[in-house]
Protein backbone atom coordinates (compact mmCIF):
# COMPACT_ATOMS: atom_id res chain seq x y z
CA MET A 1 -17.88 -25.73 -47.82
CA GLY A 2 -17.81 -24.27 -44.30
CA HIS A 3 -15.81 -21.24 -43.27
CA GLU A 4 -13.38 -23.39 -41.26
CA GLU A 5 -12.70 -25.70 -44.22
CA CYS A 6 -12.12 -22.73 -46.52
CA ASN A 7 -9.61 -21.21 -44.07
CA LYS A 8 -7.64 -24.46 -43.86
CA LYS A 9 -7.22 -24.55 -47.64
CA GLU A 10 -6.05 -20.92 -47.75
CA ARG A 11 -3.36 -21.30 -45.07
CA LYS A 12 0.16 -20.56 -46.17
CA PHE A 13 1.91 -22.62 -43.50
CA ASP A 14 1.43 -24.83 -40.47
CA VAL A 15 4.70 -25.46 -38.66
CA TYR A 16 6.13 -26.17 -35.23
CA ALA A 17 8.65 -23.51 -34.21
CA ASN A 18 10.70 -23.65 -31.03
CA GLY A 19 12.84 -20.59 -31.66
CA ILE A 20 12.29 -16.99 -32.69
CA ASN A 21 14.30 -13.91 -33.56
CA ILE A 22 12.67 -10.50 -33.31
CA THR A 23 13.87 -7.38 -35.08
CA PHE A 24 12.21 -4.00 -35.27
CA GLY A 25 12.49 -0.60 -36.83
CA PRO A 26 10.43 2.56 -36.44
CA PHE A 27 7.52 1.22 -38.52
CA ASP A 28 7.39 -2.56 -38.06
CA PHE A 29 8.42 -5.69 -36.20
CA THR A 30 9.65 -8.87 -37.87
CA ILE A 31 9.38 -12.21 -36.09
CA SER A 32 11.55 -14.91 -37.67
CA PHE A 33 10.59 -18.45 -36.72
CA THR A 34 13.15 -21.24 -36.44
CA LYS A 35 13.24 -24.88 -35.45
CA ASN A 36 16.23 -25.79 -33.31
CA THR A 37 17.57 -29.17 -34.41
CA GLY A 38 20.57 -31.14 -33.23
CA SER A 39 22.54 -29.89 -36.21
CA GLY A 40 21.55 -26.20 -35.97
CA ASN A 41 18.61 -23.92 -36.68
CA GLU A 42 16.23 -24.42 -39.58
CA ASP A 43 14.71 -21.14 -40.82
CA LEU A 44 10.95 -21.59 -41.17
CA GLY A 45 9.84 -18.13 -42.25
CA GLU A 46 8.98 -14.75 -40.87
CA VAL A 47 6.03 -12.49 -40.19
CA THR A 48 6.27 -8.69 -40.37
CA MET A 49 3.64 -6.41 -38.85
CA SER A 50 3.04 -2.93 -37.50
CA PRO A 51 3.85 -2.11 -33.87
CA GLU A 52 0.13 -1.53 -33.26
CA HIS A 53 -0.79 -4.95 -34.62
CA LEU A 54 1.91 -6.66 -32.56
CA LYS A 55 0.68 -4.90 -29.42
CA VAL A 56 -2.85 -6.23 -30.03
CA ILE A 57 -1.44 -9.73 -30.59
CA SER A 58 0.60 -9.39 -27.39
CA SER A 59 -2.59 -8.60 -25.47
CA ILE A 60 -4.41 -11.56 -27.04
CA LEU A 61 -1.48 -13.89 -26.22
CA LYS A 62 -1.47 -12.67 -22.60
CA GLU A 63 -5.20 -13.33 -22.29
CA ASN A 64 -4.82 -16.83 -23.75
CA ILE A 65 -1.86 -17.66 -21.50
CA ASP A 66 -3.93 -16.58 -18.49
CA ASN A 67 -6.80 -18.83 -19.66
CA TYR A 68 -4.38 -21.74 -20.18
CA GLU A 69 -2.92 -21.32 -16.71
CA ASP A 70 -6.40 -21.16 -15.19
CA LEU A 71 -7.11 -24.58 -16.70
CA PHE A 72 -3.74 -26.34 -16.47
CA GLY A 73 -1.71 -24.49 -13.86
CA THR A 74 1.11 -21.99 -13.97
CA ILE A 75 3.61 -22.27 -16.80
CA PRO A 76 7.04 -22.26 -15.15
CA ASN A 77 9.39 -19.38 -15.90
CA VAL A 78 12.57 -20.13 -17.78
CA HIS A 79 15.62 -19.60 -15.58
CA PRO A 80 17.59 -16.45 -16.55
CA ASN A 81 20.74 -18.57 -17.04
CA VAL A 82 18.93 -20.60 -19.71
CA ILE A 83 17.88 -17.42 -21.51
CA SER A 84 21.46 -16.09 -21.33
CA GLN A 85 22.81 -19.34 -22.76
CA LEU A 86 20.24 -19.36 -25.59
CA ARG A 87 21.24 -15.79 -26.50
CA LYS A 88 24.92 -16.71 -26.33
CA ASP A 89 24.30 -19.69 -28.64
CA GLY A 90 22.37 -17.49 -31.09
CA LYS A 91 19.12 -19.39 -30.51
CA LEU A 92 17.29 -16.43 -28.97
CA GLN A 93 17.73 -12.92 -30.27
CA LEU A 94 16.06 -9.60 -29.72
CA LYS A 95 17.68 -6.81 -31.64
CA GLN A 96 16.78 -3.44 -33.08
CA ASP A 97 16.65 -3.31 -36.87
CA LYS A 98 19.67 -1.56 -38.37
CA ASN A 99 17.44 0.08 -41.02
CA GLU A 100 15.98 2.71 -38.70
């Protein structure tokens, strides 16, 4: 069995998420994934990691977005009014953990 096949069998989840909530405290960040449906948000799960790990992932994401845009063109920015509305509707949250 190849390495790739082994990794597929060990995966804990494969989901499509179109919403996230991020909370953080002094020692970790938690990213909660949701799927926005017509009837509300479905909680899919969460990932908690150290600030250092998240910073590395942030760098890797930036690099991959740059590569994507080199191949397919610029990803348009979301209008600030859309972001404000998503926050107002509770579909986009960024908040500091209360357990500091």
